[in-house]
Every structure is written in structure tokens, then in C-alpha cells.
């Protein structure tokens, strides 16, 4: 059972079956570099504050409230109690509306992951039955939940002894791929270059292993901070990559030969066979 602080507690409900669950954040930024804004004159941190647009005076927290702009400079005022009065089933219940095959999930819509765990010992059995049934059917459950005062569409799928709950982007948030790629012209690919590229891919097989991921920007920040702390010059910036590809076939062959000569010779042999044909 996870011991981390729960971001949400409620019930997972499928038909008449329900069990207590809790949502736990799956992401941490504890090890990331965080900057504070300083006053250049004295080097001390500065604080942010809300100020009145007209008077420039600081507005105390007690005097702040949300507003929805309906016309230019015309707002509907929303009191904290107004928001609290909104009662949605999804505030306390993850009610499953449908199940979708995991293989059909469009990964573009996956946004932020959380862990879903039983809320208590009494919920263990029902939670395990739902989780294992979904695993056998290879499906994910679609639901919605009010998290951090916002309604969020979510996808739930089995993950080891627990489940993974992932926030989903809405369809309106996504830019259509057709819109982006519409000006790309169809181009016939040279069979020889395609074969070289495939062999190059075969030379670099690997398993998906996030533990090997490296944040090069974060590492550069750490190196820069360390150099400043020790009074040294900061590291030199990396040179810009060259983008002038003159002959793609030659570059592919050179890259492949660096990975292994045997594979490169295979492409030359197959190219000769195509010419004879």
C-alpha cells in the first residue's frame, strides 16, 4: 500500500460494484532545480502580490475573489462558497462510464499520471477483482473526477498490484494532425535508402527503460550553478548541429558502417541484385 499523501479519496464504481480508493501523485519534482526571483539591488528574494489595476494598491487575500469576464472590464463575481455549492458525483466517485481496449488508446491524449490504490483494507478484495478483470480483458476504464477544483477526464488501467489513473486532454485541446501535416507532399522513398535506414534501426535495439532517461538541460543548469559557486567560468554552450544534408544516401551508409560493416555490405549486395533485375 502506498504511504504517500492522497490527492483525492472517494469510490471507484462500476455498475453496482464499488470500493474505496485514493489517488496518489505519480510525479515528483523534488530533485529539480528551482529558482527564486531576487532583487538585483540587494540580492534578496522578492514576493509576488496581487494589486488593484486602477489604484496599484496591494489586495489582501481576504478581499480577493474569482471573476469571470463577460464583457470588457465587466465581470461576474464568484465567491468561494459558490464553488463549494457545486455538487458533482465525480467529486466523490470515479464512476466508470465505459471500457476501451488499451491497444486503441491514442497516447496523444494522455497527460498526467497518478496511482490509484485501495483506500483501506475493506476495499482490497473488490479493488483486486476489478483490477484483475480489466487486466484479463486488456481494457482501460474511462471516467471523470474533480481534482484540485477542476473536472478532469481520466483513464484507469491495471498496473501491478494497483492501478494507473491518467488525466486526459480533451479533444478541443488537441490540434489536428491533418492540419499540421496537410502541406507535406507525398514522396516516393528510395528502396535502397529505406533498407539502409531499417538496418540502422536494427543495430540499436533496446527496451523502454525510463531509468536511463537524462535531463540534459537540468544537468547543464547544475554544472553552471556549480561553476558559479566555485568561481569558475560556466561550461561552453554546445555547438549548433549542422542541418545541410547534401546526400542522404551517403550519410545513411556512413552511419551504418560505423555501427557495423557487415550490415553495410548487405545493402550494397542487395542494391546490385536490384540493378541486375
Protein backbone atom coordinates (compact mmCIF):
# COMPACT_ATOMS: atom_id res chain seq x y z
CA UNK A 1 0.00 0.00 0.00
CA UNK A 2 1.27 3.44 -0.89
CA UNK A 3 2.13 5.67 2.05
CA UNK A 4 2.29 8.93 0.09
CA UNK A 5 -0.32 11.61 0.73
CA UNK A 6 -3.54 11.13 -1.22
CA UNK A 7 -4.63 13.91 -3.60
CA UNK A 8 -8.21 12.56 -3.60
CA UNK A 9 -10.26 9.96 -1.74
CA UNK A 10 -13.58 8.50 -2.81
CA UNK A 11 -15.11 5.48 -4.50
CA UNK A 12 -14.48 3.56 -7.71
CA UNK A 13 -17.90 2.48 -9.00
CA UNK A 14 -18.69 0.04 -11.81
CA UNK A 15 -22.40 -0.70 -12.02
CA UNK A 16 -23.42 -1.81 -8.54
CA UNK A 17 -19.84 -2.72 -7.54
CA UNK A 18 -17.87 -0.06 -5.65
CA UNK A 19 -14.80 0.18 -3.46
CA UNK A 20 -12.97 2.91 -1.61
CA UNK A 21 -9.95 4.27 -3.48
CA UNK A 22 -7.40 7.06 -3.23
CA UNK A 23 -5.49 8.93 -5.91
CA UNK A 24 -1.78 9.48 -5.26
CA UNK A 25 0.51 11.65 -7.37
CA UNK A 26 2.95 9.65 -9.51
CA UNK A 27 5.26 12.59 -10.31
CA UNK A 28 7.72 14.48 -8.12
CA UNK A 29 9.90 17.49 -8.90
CA UNK A 30 11.77 17.41 -5.59
CA UNK A 31 15.13 16.95 -7.32
CA UNK A 32 14.56 19.61 -9.97
CA UNK A 33 16.35 22.96 -9.94
CA UNK A 34 14.03 25.71 -8.66
CA UNK A 35 14.89 29.42 -8.91
CA UNK A 36 13.73 32.31 -6.75
CA UNK A 37 13.29 35.83 -8.09
CA UNK A 38 15.79 38.22 -6.48
CA UNK A 39 16.08 41.97 -6.26
CA UNK A 40 19.15 42.86 -8.32
CA UNK A 41 19.97 45.76 -5.95
CA UNK A 42 20.27 43.82 -2.68
CA UNK A 43 20.21 40.18 -3.84
CA UNK A 44 17.24 39.33 -1.61
CA UNK A 45 14.13 37.37 -2.69
CA UNK A 46 11.05 39.28 -3.79
CA UNK A 47 7.42 38.30 -3.17
CA UNK A 48 4.59 38.31 -5.69
CA UNK A 49 1.40 40.17 -4.81
CA UNK A 50 -1.97 40.93 -6.38
CA UNK A 51 -2.50 44.66 -6.94
CA UNK A 52 -5.55 46.64 -7.96
CA UNK A 53 -5.28 47.57 -11.66
CA UNK A 54 -6.70 51.05 -11.01
CA UNK A 55 -5.11 52.13 -7.71
CA UNK A 56 -2.00 49.95 -7.71
CA UNK A 57 -2.69 49.04 -4.06
CA UNK A 58 -1.98 45.52 -2.79
CA UNK A 59 -5.18 43.48 -2.31
CA UNK A 60 -5.27 41.28 0.79
CA UNK A 61 -6.15 37.60 0.42
CA UNK A 62 -9.42 38.10 2.30
CA UNK A 63 -10.51 40.69 -0.28
CA UNK A 64 -9.72 38.53 -3.32
CA UNK A 65 -12.35 36.56 -5.24
CA UNK A 66 -12.66 34.96 -8.65
CA UNK A 67 -14.26 36.77 -11.56
CA UNK A 68 -15.48 35.68 -15.00
CA UNK A 69 -15.21 38.36 -17.68
CA UNK A 70 -18.38 38.54 -19.78
CA UNK A 71 -17.60 41.86 -21.48
CA UNK A 72 -14.57 44.16 -21.50
CA UNK A 73 -13.97 45.06 -17.82
CA UNK A 74 -17.34 43.56 -16.84
CA UNK A 75 -17.14 40.57 -14.50
CA UNK A 76 -19.42 38.11 -12.77
CA UNK A 77 -18.09 37.70 -9.23
CA UNK A 78 -17.66 34.14 -7.99
CA UNK A 79 -17.41 33.65 -4.24
CA UNK A 80 -15.57 30.63 -2.78
CA UNK A 81 -18.89 29.41 -1.34
CA UNK A 82 -20.43 29.48 -4.83
CA UNK A 83 -17.88 26.93 -5.99
CA UNK A 84 -18.29 24.79 -2.87
CA UNK A 85 -22.04 24.56 -3.54
CA UNK A 86 -21.43 22.85 -6.89
CA UNK A 87 -22.08 19.20 -6.13
CA UNK A 88 -20.94 16.68 -8.73
CA UNK A 89 -20.94 12.91 -8.45
CA UNK A 90 -17.33 12.97 -9.68
CA UNK A 91 -16.24 14.92 -6.60
CA UNK A 92 -16.50 11.75 -4.54
CA UNK A 93 -16.96 8.91 -7.04
CA UNK A 94 -14.99 7.60 -10.02
CA UNK A 95 -17.99 6.22 -11.89
CA UNK A 96 -16.88 4.17 -14.88
CA UNK A 97 -18.84 5.09 -18.00
CA UNK A 98 -17.19 2.70 -20.43
CA UNK A 99 -14.25 0.40 -21.09
CA UNK A 100 -11.93 0.79 -24.06
CA UNK A 101 -9.24 -1.59 -25.41
CA UNK A 102 -5.84 -0.44 -24.12
CA UNK A 103 -4.34 -1.05 -27.57
CA UNK A 104 -6.70 1.56 -29.05
CA UNK A 105 -5.81 4.39 -26.64
CA UNK A 106 -4.39 7.38 -28.52
CA UNK A 107 -1.33 8.33 -26.45
CA UNK A 108 -1.56 11.98 -27.56
CA UNK A 109 -4.41 12.42 -25.10
CA UNK A 110 -2.51 11.09 -22.07
CA UNK A 111 -1.38 13.96 -19.86
CA UNK A 112 -0.57 13.40 -16.18
CA UNK A 113 -0.28 10.06 -14.31
CA UNK A 114 -1.45 9.18 -10.82
CA UNK A 115 -1.55 5.94 -8.86
CA UNK A 116 -4.92 4.52 -7.83
CA UNK A 117 -4.88 2.37 -4.69
CA UNK A 118 -7.44 0.88 -2.27
CA UNK A 119 -8.44 3.39 0.40
CA UNK A 120 -8.49 0.80 3.17
CA UNK A 121 -8.32 -2.91 3.97
CA UNK A 122 -12.05 -3.39 3.49
CA UNK A 123 -11.73 -2.29 -0.16
CA UNK A 124 -8.88 -4.65 -1.08
CA UNK A 125 -10.97 -7.53 -2.41
CA UNK A 126 -13.31 -5.52 -4.63
CA UNK A 127 -10.37 -3.43 -5.89
CA UNK A 128 -8.40 -6.59 -6.80
CA UNK A 129 -11.38 -8.16 -8.60
CA UNK A 130 -11.93 -5.03 -10.73
CA UNK A 131 -8.19 -4.66 -11.46
CA UNK A 132 -7.67 -8.31 -12.45
CA UNK A 133 -10.80 -8.43 -14.59
CA UNK A 134 -9.61 -5.36 -16.52
CA UNK A 135 -6.14 -6.89 -16.91
CA UNK A 136 -7.58 -10.11 -18.35
CA UNK A 137 -9.78 -8.22 -20.79
CA UNK A 138 -6.91 -5.81 -21.63
CA UNK A 139 -9.13 -2.78 -21.22
CA UNK A 140 -8.95 0.63 -19.56
CA UNK A 141 -11.84 2.35 -17.80
CA UNK A 142 -12.89 5.87 -18.74
CA UNK A 143 -14.22 8.12 -16.00
CA UNK A 144 -14.05 11.68 -14.67
CA UNK A 145 -13.08 13.19 -11.33
CA UNK A 146 -12.96 16.60 -9.65
CA UNK A 147 -9.30 17.06 -8.75
CA UNK A 148 -7.83 20.34 -7.47
CA UNK A 149 -11.18 22.06 -8.09
CA UNK A 150 -11.28 21.09 -11.76
CA UNK A 151 -13.24 18.39 -13.53
CA UNK A 152 -10.89 16.04 -15.34
CA UNK A 153 -11.48 13.20 -17.78
CA UNK A 154 -9.35 10.22 -16.75
CA UNK A 155 -8.32 6.79 -17.96
CA UNK A 156 -7.80 3.95 -15.46
CA UNK A 157 -5.81 0.80 -16.21
CA UNK A 158 -4.24 -2.04 -14.21
CA UNK A 159 -0.66 -1.55 -13.02
CA UNK A 160 0.96 -4.29 -10.97
CA UNK A 161 -0.76 -4.54 -7.58
CA UNK A 162 -2.60 -1.26 -8.15
CA UNK A 163 -3.91 0.83 -11.00
CA UNK A 164 -2.75 3.80 -13.04
CA UNK A 165 -5.06 6.80 -13.42
CA UNK A 166 -4.10 9.25 -16.15
CA UNK A 167 -5.56 12.70 -16.80
CA UNK A 168 -6.73 13.07 -20.39
CA UNK A 169 -6.54 16.07 -22.65
CA UNK A 170 -9.88 16.95 -24.23
CA UNK A 171 -10.46 16.74 -27.96
CA UNK A 172 -10.81 20.53 -28.15
CA UNK A 173 -7.28 20.93 -26.74
CA UNK A 174 -5.70 18.80 -29.45
CA UNK A 175 -4.50 20.29 -32.72
CA UNK A 176 -5.48 18.06 -35.62
CA UNK A 177 -2.56 16.15 -37.13
CA UNK A 178 -4.13 16.70 -40.56
CA UNK A 179 -3.88 20.46 -40.01
CA UNK A 180 -0.16 20.23 -39.27
CA UNK A 181 0.76 17.72 -41.98
CA UNK A 182 -1.58 18.89 -44.76
CA UNK A 183 1.20 20.70 -46.69
CA UNK A 184 3.58 17.73 -46.64
CA UNK A 185 3.93 16.42 -50.17
CA UNK A 186 3.87 12.69 -50.85
CA UNK A 187 7.33 11.45 -51.74
CA UNK A 188 8.43 8.07 -53.05
CA UNK A 189 11.20 6.67 -50.87
CA UNK A 190 14.27 5.10 -52.49
CA UNK A 191 14.21 1.34 -51.65
CA UNK A 192 17.96 1.25 -51.01
CA UNK A 193 17.87 4.17 -48.57
CA UNK A 194 14.86 2.61 -46.86
CA UNK A 195 16.74 -0.67 -46.41
CA UNK A 196 19.80 1.13 -45.01
CA UNK A 197 17.60 3.02 -42.56
CA UNK A 198 15.93 -0.24 -41.46
CA UNK A 199 19.30 -1.90 -40.89
CA UNK A 200 20.43 1.13 -38.90
CA UNK A 201 17.34 0.77 -36.70
CA UNK A 202 18.06 -2.94 -36.23
CA UNK A 203 21.52 -2.04 -34.92
CA UNK A 204 20.10 -0.12 -31.97
CA UNK A 205 17.51 -2.39 -30.31
CA UNK A 206 16.56 -1.59 -26.72
CA UNK A 207 13.79 -1.97 -24.15
CA UNK A 208 11.82 1.04 -22.95
CA UNK A 209 13.76 1.91 -19.77
CA UNK A 210 12.89 5.29 -18.20
CA UNK A 211 15.68 4.85 -15.62
CA UNK A 212 18.12 5.69 -18.42
CA UNK A 213 16.38 8.95 -19.31
CA UNK A 214 18.56 12.01 -18.77
CA UNK A 215 17.51 15.64 -18.43
CA UNK A 216 20.43 17.27 -20.24
CA UNK A 217 19.07 20.79 -19.61
CA UNK A 218 18.84 20.12 -15.86
CA UNK A 219 22.40 18.72 -15.90
CA UNK A 220 23.61 21.85 -17.68
CA UNK A 221 21.92 24.04 -15.05
CA UNK A 222 23.61 22.07 -12.25
CA UNK A 223 27.01 22.40 -13.98
CA UNK A 224 26.51 26.15 -14.44
CA UNK A 225 25.49 26.65 -10.79
CA UNK A 226 28.41 24.55 -9.58
CA UNK A 227 30.85 26.58 -11.69
CA UNK A 228 29.48 29.87 -10.30
CA UNK A 229 29.70 28.53 -6.75
CA UNK A 230 33.37 27.63 -7.25
CA UNK A 231 34.22 30.87 -9.07
CA UNK A 232 34.91 29.17 -12.38
CA UNK A 233 33.73 30.09 -15.86
CA UNK A 234 30.47 28.40 -16.86
CA UNK A 235 30.70 25.49 -19.35
CA UNK A 236 30.77 26.41 -23.03
CA UNK A 237 27.45 26.02 -24.86
CA UNK A 238 27.07 23.03 -27.15
CA UNK A 239 27.65 23.81 -30.85
CA UNK A 240 24.63 24.05 -33.08
CA UNK A 241 24.08 20.91 -35.18
CA UNK A 242 24.66 21.09 -38.92
CA UNK A 243 21.47 20.82 -40.93
CA UNK A 244 22.81 20.92 -44.50
CA UNK A 245 22.20 17.32 -45.64
CA UNK A 246 23.88 17.04 -49.05
CA UNK A 247 23.49 13.36 -49.85
CA UNK A 248 21.16 11.40 -47.58
CA UNK A 249 22.17 8.02 -49.03
CA UNK A 250 25.88 8.61 -48.32
CA UNK A 251 25.15 9.82 -44.78
CA UNK A 252 22.99 6.74 -44.10
CA UNK A 253 25.69 4.40 -45.43
CA UNK A 254 28.38 6.12 -43.35
CA UNK A 255 26.23 5.92 -40.23
CA UNK A 256 25.50 2.26 -40.85
CA UNK A 257 29.17 1.41 -41.49
CA UNK A 258 30.05 2.98 -38.14
CA UNK A 259 27.54 0.67 -36.48
CA UNK A 260 28.78 -2.46 -38.25
CA UNK A 261 30.43 -3.24 -41.59
CA UNK A 262 28.53 -6.47 -42.26
CA UNK A 263 25.19 -4.74 -42.42
CA UNK A 264 26.57 -2.11 -44.78
CA UNK A 265 27.86 -4.78 -47.17
CA UNK A 266 24.42 -6.40 -47.18
CA UNK A 267 22.87 -3.25 -48.57
CA UNK A 268 25.45 -2.99 -51.36
CA UNK A 269 24.82 -6.61 -52.33
CA UNK A 270 21.04 -6.17 -52.39
CA UNK A 271 21.44 -2.95 -54.41
CA UNK A 272 23.48 -4.81 -57.05
CA UNK A 273 20.81 -7.53 -57.23
CA UNK A 274 18.11 -4.93 -57.88
CA UNK A 275 20.16 -3.40 -60.69
CA UNK A 276 20.59 -6.80 -62.36
CA UNK A 277 16.85 -7.36 -62.14
